[in-house]
């Protein structure tokens, strides 16, 4: 049986997939914002002087890192079934990637020269001023390329949101393919949209890495 590629189906499916892409992009942008902020909070809590804080934080972080994103999505959807699926998806994506970004931030903070800390103490800077004006600007600069790379990874994992009924781009492609029997065309189109959206970002991250001296 010979299969004939249907270019017309790709043209007809494009508007629907672009509508799904809006959801994909929204989930990625909000998810990486949650991950960036929460990851920094977790990294700073991990440096707390008391084990009553550090041990629970590390335990939760390891649990999140050691369980699949898909399982976390289904579990959260089952528990918080009264919340909008997209909201659950953004929260789970943010928390999942925050567990990884916390380690990235930790490495960035550890990379700040010890002399910077000593200089802050010599100048009698408060802990808050030390973090805001000296440590965090250098740490974030060190990890900025990694943050971008994790953002791209999150973007490519948004199709998992379909398991909790979020109609992102791949879900739209699957639905259109099922209704018109053109799975290959619609999934190929979805893949091309992912490529067109993520590849320029990858190039930008490479330029940023070179500019920052990584």
N, C-alpha and C. Protein backbone atom coordinates (compact mmCIF):
# COMPACT_ATOMS: atom_id res chain seq x y z
N UNK A 1 0.84 -1.19 0.00
CA UNK A 1 0.00 0.00 0.00
C UNK A 1 0.87 1.24 0.00
N UNK A 2 0.72 2.08 -1.01
CA UNK A 2 1.49 3.31 -1.12
C UNK A 2 0.80 4.44 -0.36
N UNK A 3 1.64 5.21 0.37
CA UNK A 3 1.09 6.33 1.14
C UNK A 3 1.42 7.63 0.43
N UNK A 4 0.42 8.48 0.22
CA UNK A 4 0.62 9.77 -0.44
C UNK A 4 0.62 10.88 0.61
N UNK A 5 1.71 11.61 0.63
CA UNK A 5 1.83 12.72 1.60
C UNK A 5 0.83 13.81 1.26
N UNK A 6 0.10 14.27 2.27
CA UNK A 6 -0.96 15.26 2.07
C UNK A 6 -0.48 16.63 2.55
N UNK A 7 0.07 17.41 1.60
CA UNK A 7 0.54 18.76 1.95
C UNK A 7 -0.62 19.67 2.31
N UNK A 8 -1.75 19.45 1.71
CA UNK A 8 -2.92 20.28 2.01
C UNK A 8 -3.35 20.13 3.46
N UNK A 9 -3.21 18.93 4.00
CA UNK A 9 -3.59 18.72 5.40
C UNK A 9 -2.71 19.54 6.33
N UNK A 10 -1.44 19.68 5.97
CA UNK A 10 -0.54 20.49 6.80
C UNK A 10 -0.97 21.95 6.78
N UNK A 11 -1.34 22.45 5.61
CA UNK A 11 -1.79 23.84 5.52
C UNK A 11 -3.08 24.05 6.31
N UNK A 12 -3.98 23.09 6.24
CA UNK A 12 -5.24 23.22 6.95
C UNK A 12 -5.07 23.08 8.46
N UNK A 13 -4.11 22.27 8.88
CA UNK A 13 -3.89 22.06 10.31
C UNK A 13 -3.09 23.17 10.96
N UNK A 14 -2.38 23.96 10.17
CA UNK A 14 -1.48 24.97 10.72
C UNK A 14 -2.17 25.95 11.66
N UNK A 15 -3.31 26.54 11.30
CA UNK A 15 -3.95 27.48 12.24
C UNK A 15 -4.31 26.84 13.57
N UNK A 16 -4.76 25.60 13.54
CA UNK A 16 -5.12 24.90 14.77
C UNK A 16 -3.89 24.65 15.63
N UNK A 17 -2.80 24.25 15.00
CA UNK A 17 -1.57 24.00 15.75
C UNK A 17 -0.98 25.28 16.32
N UNK A 18 -1.12 26.37 15.59
CA UNK A 18 -0.62 27.65 16.11
C UNK A 18 -1.43 28.09 17.32
N UNK A 19 -2.72 27.76 17.33
CA UNK A 19 -3.53 28.04 18.51
C UNK A 19 -3.03 27.24 19.71
N UNK A 20 -2.71 25.97 19.46
CA UNK A 20 -2.13 25.15 20.53
C UNK A 20 -0.75 25.63 20.94
N UNK A 21 -0.02 26.21 19.98
CA UNK A 21 1.32 26.73 20.29
C UNK A 21 1.25 27.86 21.30
N UNK A 22 0.18 28.65 21.26
CA UNK A 22 0.02 29.73 22.23
C UNK A 22 -0.02 29.16 23.65
N UNK A 23 -0.73 28.05 23.82
CA UNK A 23 -0.77 27.40 25.13
C UNK A 23 0.59 26.84 25.50
N UNK A 24 1.26 26.22 24.53
CA UNK A 24 2.60 25.69 24.77
C UNK A 24 3.56 26.78 25.21
N UNK A 25 3.53 27.92 24.52
CA UNK A 25 4.42 29.02 24.84
C UNK A 25 4.09 29.61 26.21
N UNK A 26 2.79 29.75 26.51
CA UNK A 26 2.39 30.29 27.81
C UNK A 26 2.87 29.40 28.94
N UNK A 27 2.68 28.08 28.78
CA UNK A 27 3.12 27.14 29.82
C UNK A 27 4.63 27.19 30.01
N UNK A 28 5.37 27.36 28.91
CA UNK A 28 6.84 27.41 29.00
C UNK A 28 7.31 28.66 29.70
N UNK A 29 6.78 29.81 29.29
CA UNK A 29 7.23 31.09 29.85
C UNK A 29 6.91 31.16 31.34
N UNK A 30 5.66 30.86 31.71
CA UNK A 30 5.29 30.92 33.12
C UNK A 30 5.99 29.82 33.93
N UNK A 31 6.15 28.65 33.31
CA UNK A 31 6.83 27.56 34.01
C UNK A 31 8.28 27.88 34.32
N UNK A 32 9.00 28.49 33.36
CA UNK A 32 10.41 28.80 33.61
C UNK A 32 10.54 29.95 34.60
N UNK A 33 9.56 30.86 34.63
CA UNK A 33 9.60 31.92 35.64
C UNK A 33 9.43 31.34 37.04
N UNK A 34 8.47 30.42 37.18
CA UNK A 34 8.28 29.75 38.47
C UNK A 34 9.54 28.99 38.85
N UNK A 35 10.11 28.27 37.91
CA UNK A 35 11.31 27.47 38.18
C UNK A 35 12.50 28.34 38.56
N UNK A 36 12.66 29.47 37.87
CA UNK A 36 13.80 30.35 38.14
C UNK A 36 13.72 30.94 39.54
N UNK A 37 12.53 31.40 39.92
CA UNK A 37 12.37 32.02 41.24
C UNK A 37 12.42 30.97 42.34
N UNK A 38 11.66 29.88 42.17
CA UNK A 38 11.62 28.84 43.19
C UNK A 38 12.96 28.14 43.33
N UNK A 39 13.65 27.93 42.21
CA UNK A 39 14.96 27.30 42.28
C UNK A 39 15.95 28.12 43.08
N UNK A 40 15.88 29.45 42.93
CA UNK A 40 16.76 30.33 43.71
C UNK A 40 16.43 30.25 45.19
N UNK A 41 15.14 30.24 45.51
CA UNK A 41 14.72 30.13 46.91
C UNK A 41 15.22 28.82 47.52
N UNK A 42 15.06 27.73 46.77
CA UNK A 42 15.52 26.42 47.27
C UNK A 42 17.03 26.41 47.46
N UNK A 43 17.76 27.01 46.54
CA UNK A 43 19.23 27.06 46.65
C UNK A 43 19.66 27.83 47.90
N UNK A 44 18.96 28.92 48.19
CA UNK A 44 19.32 29.71 49.36
C UNK A 44 18.91 29.00 50.65
N UNK A 45 17.76 28.31 50.63
CA UNK A 45 17.35 27.54 51.81
C UNK A 45 18.33 26.40 52.08
N UNK A 46 18.90 25.87 51.00
CA UNK A 46 19.87 24.79 51.16
C UNK A 46 21.14 25.23 51.85
N UNK A 47 21.36 26.55 51.94
CA UNK A 47 22.54 27.09 52.62
C UNK A 47 22.20 27.59 54.03
N UNK A 48 20.99 27.28 54.48
CA UNK A 48 20.58 27.71 55.82
C UNK A 48 21.50 27.09 56.87
N UNK A 49 21.72 27.79 57.99
CA UNK A 49 22.65 27.29 59.01
C UNK A 49 22.11 26.13 59.84
N UNK A 50 20.83 25.83 59.75
CA UNK A 50 20.24 24.77 60.55
C UNK A 50 19.80 23.59 59.68
N UNK A 51 20.03 22.39 60.16
CA UNK A 51 19.65 21.18 59.42
C UNK A 51 18.14 20.97 59.42
N UNK A 52 17.44 21.65 60.32
CA UNK A 52 15.98 21.56 60.32
C UNK A 52 15.39 22.11 59.03
N UNK A 53 16.15 22.97 58.36
CA UNK A 53 15.72 23.54 57.08
C UNK A 53 16.35 22.78 55.92
N UNK A 54 17.64 22.54 56.00
CA UNK A 54 18.36 21.96 54.86
C UNK A 54 17.95 20.52 54.57
N UNK A 55 17.71 19.72 55.60
CA UNK A 55 17.37 18.30 55.38
C UNK A 55 16.02 18.15 54.67
N UNK A 56 14.93 18.81 55.14
CA UNK A 56 13.66 18.70 54.41
C UNK A 56 13.74 19.25 52.98
N UNK A 57 14.47 20.34 52.81
CA UNK A 57 14.60 20.93 51.47
C UNK A 57 15.30 19.95 50.53
N UNK A 58 16.37 19.35 50.98
CA UNK A 58 17.09 18.39 50.15
C UNK A 58 16.27 17.15 49.87
N UNK A 59 15.49 16.72 50.86
CA UNK A 59 14.66 15.52 50.68
C UNK A 59 13.60 15.76 49.61
N UNK A 60 12.94 16.91 49.68
CA UNK A 60 11.91 17.23 48.69
C UNK A 60 12.54 17.38 47.30
N UNK A 61 13.68 18.04 47.24
CA UNK A 61 14.36 18.24 45.96
C UNK A 61 14.75 16.92 45.33
N UNK A 62 15.29 16.02 46.12
CA UNK A 62 15.66 14.71 45.59
C UNK A 62 14.44 13.92 45.14
N UNK A 63 13.35 14.03 45.89
CA UNK A 63 12.13 13.33 45.49
C UNK A 63 11.64 13.81 44.14
N UNK A 64 11.62 15.12 43.94
CA UNK A 64 11.14 15.68 42.68
C UNK A 64 12.06 15.29 41.53
N UNK A 65 13.36 15.34 41.77
CA UNK A 65 14.31 14.99 40.71
C UNK A 65 14.29 13.51 40.37
N UNK A 66 13.89 12.68 41.32
CA UNK A 66 13.96 11.23 41.14
C UNK A 66 12.67 10.62 40.64
N UNK A 67 11.65 11.42 40.41
CA UNK A 67 10.38 10.90 39.89
C UNK A 67 10.09 11.53 38.54
N UNK A 68 9.48 10.79 37.62
CA UNK A 68 9.24 11.31 36.27
C UNK A 68 8.24 12.47 36.27
N UNK A 69 8.43 13.39 35.36
CA UNK A 69 7.52 14.52 35.21
C UNK A 69 6.10 14.05 34.94
N UNK A 70 5.98 13.00 34.13
CA UNK A 70 4.66 12.49 33.78
C UNK A 70 3.89 12.02 35.02
N UNK A 71 4.59 11.33 35.91
CA UNK A 71 3.96 10.85 37.14
C UNK A 71 3.55 12.03 38.02
N UNK A 72 4.39 13.05 38.08
CA UNK A 72 4.07 14.22 38.89
C UNK A 72 2.84 14.95 38.34
N UNK A 73 2.72 15.03 37.04
CA UNK A 73 1.56 15.67 36.43
C UNK A 73 0.27 14.93 36.76
N UNK A 74 0.29 13.62 36.58
CA UNK A 74 -0.90 12.82 36.85
C UNK A 74 -1.26 12.87 38.33
N UNK A 75 -0.26 12.79 39.19
CA UNK A 75 -0.52 12.84 40.63
C UNK A 75 -1.11 14.17 41.06
N UNK A 76 -0.54 15.25 40.56
CA UNK A 76 -1.06 16.58 40.91
C UNK A 76 -2.46 16.79 40.37
N UNK A 77 -2.71 16.27 39.17
CA UNK A 77 -4.04 16.41 38.56
C UNK A 77 -5.09 15.64 39.35
N UNK A 78 -4.69 14.49 39.90
CA UNK A 78 -5.61 13.69 40.69
C UNK A 78 -5.93 14.35 42.03
N UNK A 79 -4.94 14.99 42.62
CA UNK A 79 -5.13 15.62 43.93
C UNK A 79 -5.84 16.97 43.81
N UNK A 80 -5.41 17.77 42.85
CA UNK A 80 -5.98 19.12 42.70
C UNK A 80 -6.92 19.17 41.48
N UNK A 81 -7.92 18.28 41.49
CA UNK A 81 -8.78 18.15 40.31
C UNK A 81 -9.76 19.31 40.15
N UNK A 82 -9.83 20.21 41.13
CA UNK A 82 -10.70 21.37 40.98
C UNK A 82 -9.98 22.57 40.38
N UNK A 83 -8.67 22.44 40.22
CA UNK A 83 -7.86 23.52 39.65
C UNK A 83 -7.76 23.35 38.13
N UNK A 84 -7.66 24.47 37.42
CA UNK A 84 -7.52 24.40 35.95
C UNK A 84 -6.31 23.55 35.57
N UNK A 85 -6.47 22.64 34.60
CA UNK A 85 -5.35 21.79 34.20
C UNK A 85 -4.10 22.57 33.78
N UNK A 86 -4.29 23.68 33.08
CA UNK A 86 -3.13 24.46 32.66
C UNK A 86 -2.38 25.02 33.86
N UNK A 87 -3.11 25.46 34.86
CA UNK A 87 -2.48 25.97 36.08
C UNK A 87 -1.68 24.87 36.76
N UNK A 88 -2.26 23.68 36.84
CA UNK A 88 -1.55 22.54 37.43
C UNK A 88 -0.28 22.24 36.62
N UNK A 89 -0.41 22.24 35.29
CA UNK A 89 0.73 21.95 34.44
C UNK A 89 1.86 22.94 34.62
N UNK A 90 1.53 24.22 34.69
CA UNK A 90 2.56 25.25 34.89
C UNK A 90 3.24 25.07 36.24
N UNK A 91 2.44 24.81 37.27
CA UNK A 91 3.01 24.63 38.61
C UNK A 91 3.93 23.41 38.66
N UNK A 92 3.50 22.30 38.08
CA UNK A 92 4.31 21.08 38.11
C UNK A 92 5.60 21.27 37.30
N UNK A 93 5.49 21.88 36.13
CA UNK A 93 6.69 22.17 35.34
C UNK A 93 7.66 23.04 36.13
N UNK A 94 7.11 24.08 36.77
CA UNK A 94 7.95 24.99 37.54
C UNK A 94 8.64 24.30 38.69
N UNK A 95 7.89 23.50 39.44
CA UNK A 95 8.47 22.80 40.60
C UNK A 95 9.49 21.76 40.13
N UNK A 96 9.15 21.02 39.07
CA UNK A 96 10.05 19.99 38.57
C UNK A 96 11.40 20.60 38.16
N UNK A 97 11.35 21.66 37.38
CA UNK A 97 12.60 22.26 36.91
C UNK A 97 13.29 23.09 37.99
N UNK A 98 12.54 23.55 38.98
CA UNK A 98 13.16 24.26 40.10
C UNK A 98 14.13 23.36 40.85
N UNK A 99 13.80 22.07 40.91
CA UNK A 99 14.68 21.13 41.61
C UNK A 99 16.04 21.02 40.91
N UNK A 100 16.04 21.17 39.59
CA UNK A 100 17.30 21.15 38.84
C UNK A 100 18.00 22.51 38.89
N UNK A 101 17.21 23.57 38.76
CA UNK A 101 17.81 24.90 38.76
C UNK A 101 18.41 25.24 40.12
N UNK A 102 17.87 24.66 41.18
CA UNK A 102 18.44 24.92 42.50
C UNK A 102 19.90 24.48 42.55
N UNK A 103 20.22 23.35 41.89
CA UNK A 103 21.60 22.89 41.83
C UNK A 103 22.45 23.80 40.94
N UNK A 104 21.83 24.31 39.89
CA UNK A 104 22.54 25.26 39.02
C UNK A 104 22.88 26.52 39.80
N UNK A 105 21.91 27.04 40.53
CA UNK A 105 22.15 28.22 41.35
C UNK A 105 23.21 27.94 42.41
N UNK A 106 23.13 26.76 43.03
CA UNK A 106 24.11 26.41 44.06
C UNK A 106 25.52 26.45 43.49
N UNK A 107 25.68 25.90 42.29
CA UNK A 107 27.00 25.92 41.65
C UNK A 107 27.43 27.35 41.35
N UNK A 108 26.48 28.18 40.91
CA UNK A 108 26.80 29.57 40.62
C UNK A 108 27.21 30.32 41.86
N UNK A 109 26.53 30.07 42.97
CA UNK A 109 26.87 30.73 44.23
C UNK A 109 28.23 30.27 44.71
N UNK A 110 28.49 28.97 44.62
CA UNK A 110 29.78 28.44 45.05
C UNK A 110 30.93 28.95 44.20
N UNK A 111 30.61 29.36 42.96
CA UNK A 111 31.66 29.85 42.06
C UNK A 111 32.07 31.29 42.37
N UNK A 112 31.29 31.98 43.19
CA UNK A 112 31.66 33.35 43.57
C UNK A 112 32.92 33.28 44.44
N UNK A 113 33.97 34.01 44.10
CA UNK A 113 35.22 33.92 44.85
C UNK A 113 35.03 34.18 46.35
N UNK A 114 35.73 33.45 47.16
CA UNK A 114 35.62 33.60 48.61
C UNK A 114 35.97 35.02 49.05
N UNK A 115 36.85 35.65 48.31
CA UNK A 115 37.25 37.02 48.65
C UNK A 115 36.08 38.00 48.61
N UNK A 116 35.08 37.71 47.77
CA UNK A 116 33.90 38.58 47.71
C UNK A 116 33.12 38.53 49.03
N UNK A 117 32.98 37.34 49.57
CA UNK A 117 32.31 37.20 50.87
C UNK A 117 33.09 37.93 51.96
N UNK A 118 34.40 37.73 51.96
CA UNK A 118 35.24 38.36 52.98
C UNK A 118 35.20 39.88 52.87
N UNK A 119 35.17 40.38 51.63
CA UNK A 119 35.10 41.83 51.44
C UNK A 119 33.79 42.40 51.98
N UNK A 120 32.71 41.66 51.79
CA UNK A 120 31.41 42.11 52.31
C UNK A 120 31.42 42.18 53.83
N UNK A 121 32.05 41.17 54.45
CA UNK A 121 32.14 41.20 55.91
C UNK A 121 33.03 42.33 56.38
N UNK A 122 34.11 42.58 55.65
CA UNK A 122 35.01 43.67 56.02
C UNK A 122 34.32 45.03 55.93
N UNK A 123 33.40 45.16 54.98
CA UNK A 123 32.66 46.41 54.81
C UNK A 123 31.42 46.48 55.69
N UNK A 124 31.22 45.45 56.50
CA UNK A 124 30.08 45.38 57.42
C UNK A 124 28.73 45.45 56.69
N UNK A 125 28.68 44.84 55.50
CA UNK A 125 27.41 44.79 54.77
C UNK A 125 26.47 43.79 55.44
N UNK A 126 25.20 44.13 55.46
CA UNK A 126 24.21 43.21 56.02
C UNK A 126 24.09 41.99 55.11
N UNK A 127 23.61 40.85 55.64
CA UNK A 127 23.43 39.67 54.80
C UNK A 127 22.55 39.96 53.58
N UNK A 128 21.48 40.72 53.79
CA UNK A 128 20.59 41.04 52.66
C UNK A 128 21.32 41.84 51.59
N UNK A 129 22.07 42.84 52.02
CA UNK A 129 22.82 43.66 51.06
C UNK A 129 23.90 42.84 50.37
N UNK A 130 24.52 41.93 51.10
CA UNK A 130 25.56 41.07 50.53
C UNK A 130 25.00 40.23 49.40
N UNK A 131 23.83 39.61 49.65
CA UNK A 131 23.22 38.76 48.63
C UNK A 131 22.74 39.59 47.44
N UNK A 132 22.06 40.68 47.71
CA UNK A 132 21.44 41.46 46.63
C UNK A 132 22.46 42.17 45.76
N UNK A 133 23.47 42.75 46.36
CA UNK A 133 24.38 43.63 45.62
C UNK A 133 25.65 42.94 45.14
N UNK A 134 26.03 41.84 45.78
CA UNK A 134 27.33 41.24 45.46
C UNK A 134 27.20 39.80 44.96
N UNK A 135 26.58 38.94 45.76
CA UNK A 135 26.60 37.50 45.47
C UNK A 135 25.68 37.12 44.33
N UNK A 136 24.39 37.48 44.44
CA UNK A 136 23.42 37.04 43.44
C UNK A 136 23.72 37.57 42.03
N UNK A 137 24.11 38.85 41.86
CA UNK A 137 24.43 39.29 40.49
C UNK A 137 25.51 38.46 39.83
N UNK A 138 26.53 38.07 40.60
CA UNK A 138 27.60 37.25 40.03
C UNK A 138 27.14 35.82 39.79
N UNK A 139 26.36 35.29 40.73
CA UNK A 139 25.89 33.91 40.60
C UNK A 139 24.96 33.76 39.40
N UNK A 140 24.03 34.69 39.25
CA UNK A 140 23.08 34.61 38.13
C UNK A 140 23.81 34.75 36.80
N UNK A 141 24.80 35.61 36.76
CA UNK A 141 25.59 35.76 35.54
C UNK A 141 26.27 34.45 35.18
N UNK A 142 26.73 33.72 36.18
CA UNK A 142 27.42 32.46 35.94
C UNK A 142 26.49 31.38 35.39
N UNK A 143 25.22 31.41 35.79
CA UNK A 143 24.30 30.32 35.46
C UNK A 143 23.30 30.69 34.39
N UNK A 144 23.36 31.91 33.87
CA UNK A 144 22.37 32.35 32.90
C UNK A 144 22.27 31.43 31.68
N UNK A 145 23.38 31.00 31.08
CA UNK A 145 23.25 30.06 29.94
C UNK A 145 22.54 28.77 30.30
N UNK A 146 22.82 28.23 31.49
CA UNK A 146 22.16 27.00 31.91
C UNK A 146 20.67 27.22 32.10
N UNK A 147 20.28 28.38 32.60
CA UNK A 147 18.86 28.69 32.75
C UNK A 147 18.17 28.67 31.39
N UNK A 148 18.83 29.24 30.39
CA UNK A 148 18.26 29.24 29.04
C UNK A 148 18.11 27.85 28.48
N UNK A 149 19.10 27.00 28.72
CA UNK A 149 19.04 25.63 28.21
C UNK A 149 17.91 24.84 28.88
N UNK A 150 17.72 25.05 30.16
CA UNK A 150 16.61 24.38 30.84
C UNK A 150 15.27 24.90 30.34
N UNK A 151 15.22 26.18 29.96
CA UNK A 151 13.99 26.71 29.39
C UNK A 151 13.63 26.02 28.08
N UNK A 152 14.64 25.75 27.26
CA UNK A 152 14.41 25.04 26.00
C UNK A 152 13.94 23.61 26.28
N UNK A 153 14.55 22.98 27.28
CA UNK A 153 14.14 21.61 27.63
C UNK A 153 12.69 21.58 28.10
N UNK A 154 12.30 22.57 28.89
CA UNK A 154 10.91 22.63 29.35
C UNK A 154 9.97 22.80 28.17
N UNK A 155 10.36 23.66 27.23
CA UNK A 155 9.54 23.90 26.05
C UNK A 155 9.25 22.60 25.31
N UNK A 156 10.26 21.73 25.20
CA UNK A 156 10.10 20.48 24.48
C UNK A 156 9.35 19.41 25.29
N UNK A 157 9.17 19.64 26.58
CA UNK A 157 8.45 18.68 27.41
C UNK A 157 7.00 19.08 27.67
N UNK A 158 6.57 20.22 27.13
CA UNK A 158 5.18 20.63 27.31
C UNK A 158 4.16 19.65 26.72
N UNK A 159 4.49 18.82 25.72
CA UNK A 159 3.50 17.83 25.26
C UNK A 159 3.01 16.89 26.35
N UNK A 160 3.78 16.72 27.43
CA UNK A 160 3.32 15.89 28.54
C UNK A 160 2.04 16.45 29.17
N UNK A 161 1.80 17.75 28.99
CA UNK A 161 0.61 18.36 29.58
C UNK A 161 -0.67 17.78 29.01
N UNK A 162 -0.58 17.13 27.87
CA UNK A 162 -1.77 16.53 27.26
C UNK A 162 -2.39 15.46 28.14
N UNK A 163 -1.57 14.82 29.01
CA UNK A 163 -2.12 13.76 29.86
C UNK A 163 -3.06 14.30 30.92
N UNK A 164 -3.01 15.61 31.17
CA UNK A 164 -3.95 16.21 32.12
C UNK A 164 -4.93 17.12 31.38
N UNK A 165 -5.18 16.79 30.12
CA UNK A 165 -6.20 17.42 29.27
C UNK A 165 -5.88 18.85 28.85
N UNK A 166 -4.63 19.25 28.91
CA UNK A 166 -4.25 20.57 28.38
C UNK A 166 -4.08 20.44 26.87
N UNK A 167 -4.80 21.24 26.11
CA UNK A 167 -4.76 21.14 24.65
C UNK A 167 -3.63 22.01 24.09
N UNK A 168 -2.41 21.59 24.35
CA UNK A 168 -1.26 22.30 23.76
C UNK A 168 -1.07 21.84 22.32
N UNK A 169 0.03 22.20 21.70
CA UNK A 169 0.18 22.03 20.27
C UNK A 169 0.18 20.56 19.83
N UNK A 170 0.89 19.70 20.52
CA UNK A 170 0.94 18.29 20.12
C UNK A 170 -0.43 17.63 20.31
N UNK A 171 -1.15 18.04 21.35
CA UNK A 171 -2.50 17.50 21.54
C UNK A 171 -3.41 17.92 20.38
N UNK A 172 -3.24 19.15 19.92
CA UNK A 172 -4.02 19.62 18.77
C UNK A 172 -3.64 18.83 17.52
N UNK A 173 -2.36 18.54 17.38
CA UNK A 173 -1.91 17.75 16.22
C UNK A 173 -2.49 16.35 16.25
N UNK A 174 -2.51 15.74 17.42
CA UNK A 174 -3.05 14.39 17.55
C UNK A 174 -4.56 14.38 17.25
N UNK A 175 -5.26 15.40 17.77
CA UNK A 175 -6.70 15.46 17.54
C UNK A 175 -7.03 15.65 16.06
N UNK A 176 -6.30 16.57 15.41
CA UNK A 176 -6.54 16.80 13.98
C UNK A 176 -6.18 15.56 13.17
N UNK A 177 -5.07 14.91 13.53
CA UNK A 177 -4.66 13.71 12.81
C UNK A 177 -5.67 12.58 12.94
N UNK A 178 -6.28 12.46 14.15
CA UNK A 178 -7.28 11.42 14.36
C UNK A 178 -8.54 11.69 13.56
N UNK A 179 -8.91 12.96 13.46
CA UNK A 179 -10.15 13.30 12.75
C UNK A 179 -10.01 13.20 11.24
N UNK A 180 -8.78 13.38 10.72
CA UNK A 180 -8.58 13.41 9.26
C UNK A 180 -7.62 12.32 8.78
N UNK A 181 -7.17 11.46 9.69
CA UNK A 181 -6.28 10.35 9.33
C UNK A 181 -4.98 10.84 8.66
N UNK A 182 -4.40 11.87 9.25
CA UNK A 182 -3.16 12.43 8.72
C UNK A 182 -2.17 12.66 9.87
N UNK A 183 -1.91 11.59 10.62
CA UNK A 183 -1.02 11.71 11.77
C UNK A 183 0.38 12.17 11.38
N UNK A 184 0.93 11.56 10.35
CA UNK A 184 2.31 11.87 9.96
C UNK A 184 2.47 13.35 9.63
N UNK A 185 1.52 13.89 8.89
CA UNK A 185 1.62 15.30 8.47
C UNK A 185 1.51 16.25 9.67
N UNK A 186 0.54 16.00 10.54
CA UNK A 186 0.33 16.94 11.65
C UNK A 186 1.45 16.86 12.69
N UNK A 187 1.95 15.65 12.96
CA UNK A 187 3.04 15.54 13.93
C UNK A 187 4.34 16.10 13.35
N UNK A 188 4.53 15.92 12.04
CA UNK A 188 5.70 16.54 11.40
C UNK A 188 5.62 18.05 11.49
N UNK A 189 4.44 18.59 11.24
CA UNK A 189 4.25 20.04 11.33
C UNK A 189 4.51 20.53 12.75
N UNK A 190 4.02 19.80 13.74
CA UNK A 190 4.28 20.19 15.13
C UNK A 190 5.78 20.18 15.43
N UNK A 191 6.47 19.15 14.93
CA UNK A 191 7.91 19.09 15.14
C UNK A 191 8.65 20.24 14.49
N UNK A 192 8.20 20.63 13.30
CA UNK A 192 8.83 21.78 12.62
C UNK A 192 8.61 23.08 13.38
N UNK A 193 7.41 23.23 13.95
CA UNK A 193 7.14 24.43 14.74
C UNK A 193 8.04 24.47 15.97
N UNK A 194 8.21 23.31 16.63
CA UNK A 194 9.13 23.23 17.76
C UNK A 194 10.54 23.62 17.33
N UNK A 195 10.96 23.14 16.18
CA UNK A 195 12.30 23.42 15.69
C UNK A 195 12.47 24.91 15.40
N UNK A 196 11.50 25.49 14.69
CA UNK A 196 11.58 26.91 14.33
C UNK A 196 11.60 27.79 15.58
N UNK A 197 10.88 27.37 16.62
CA UNK A 197 10.81 28.18 17.84
C UNK A 197 12.03 28.00 18.73
N UNK A 198 12.57 26.79 18.80
CA UNK A 198 13.65 26.52 19.75
C UNK A 198 15.05 26.73 19.19
N UNK A 199 15.23 26.52 17.89
CA UNK A 199 16.59 26.62 17.34
C UNK A 199 17.18 28.03 17.47
N UNK A 200 16.42 29.09 17.13
CA UNK A 200 16.99 30.44 17.33
C UNK A 200 17.34 30.71 18.79
N UNK A 201 16.55 30.16 19.71
CA UNK A 201 16.86 30.34 21.13
C UNK A 201 18.15 29.63 21.48
N UNK A 202 18.37 28.45 20.90
CA UNK A 202 19.61 27.73 21.14
C UNK A 202 20.82 28.53 20.65
N UNK A 203 20.69 29.12 19.48
CA UNK A 203 21.78 29.95 18.95
C UNK A 203 22.04 31.16 19.85
N UNK A 204 20.96 31.75 20.35
CA UNK A 204 21.11 32.89 21.25
C UNK A 204 21.83 32.49 22.52
N UNK A 205 21.52 31.30 23.05
CA UNK A 205 22.19 30.83 24.26
C UNK A 205 23.67 30.60 24.01
N UNK A 206 24.01 30.09 22.82
CA UNK A 206 25.44 29.88 22.50
C UNK A 206 26.18 31.21 22.45
N UNK A 207 25.57 32.21 21.83
CA UNK A 207 26.20 33.52 21.77
C UNK A 207 26.36 34.12 23.16
N UNK A 208 25.33 33.89 23.99
CA UNK A 208 25.38 34.41 25.35
C UNK A 208 26.49 33.75 26.15
N UNK A 209 26.65 32.44 25.97
CA UNK A 209 27.71 31.72 26.65
C UNK A 209 29.08 32.27 26.25
N UNK A 210 29.27 32.52 24.95
CA UNK A 210 30.56 33.05 24.49
C UNK A 210 30.80 34.46 25.04
N UNK A 211 29.73 35.25 25.08
CA UNK A 211 29.86 36.63 25.56
C UNK A 211 30.21 36.68 27.05
N UNK A 212 29.64 35.71 27.80
CA UNK A 212 29.90 35.67 29.23
C UNK A 212 31.19 34.91 29.57
N UNK A 213 31.81 34.36 28.53
CA UNK A 213 33.08 33.68 28.75
C UNK A 213 32.97 32.27 29.23
N UNK A 214 31.82 31.57 28.95
CA UNK A 214 31.66 30.18 29.38
C UNK A 214 32.23 29.25 28.31
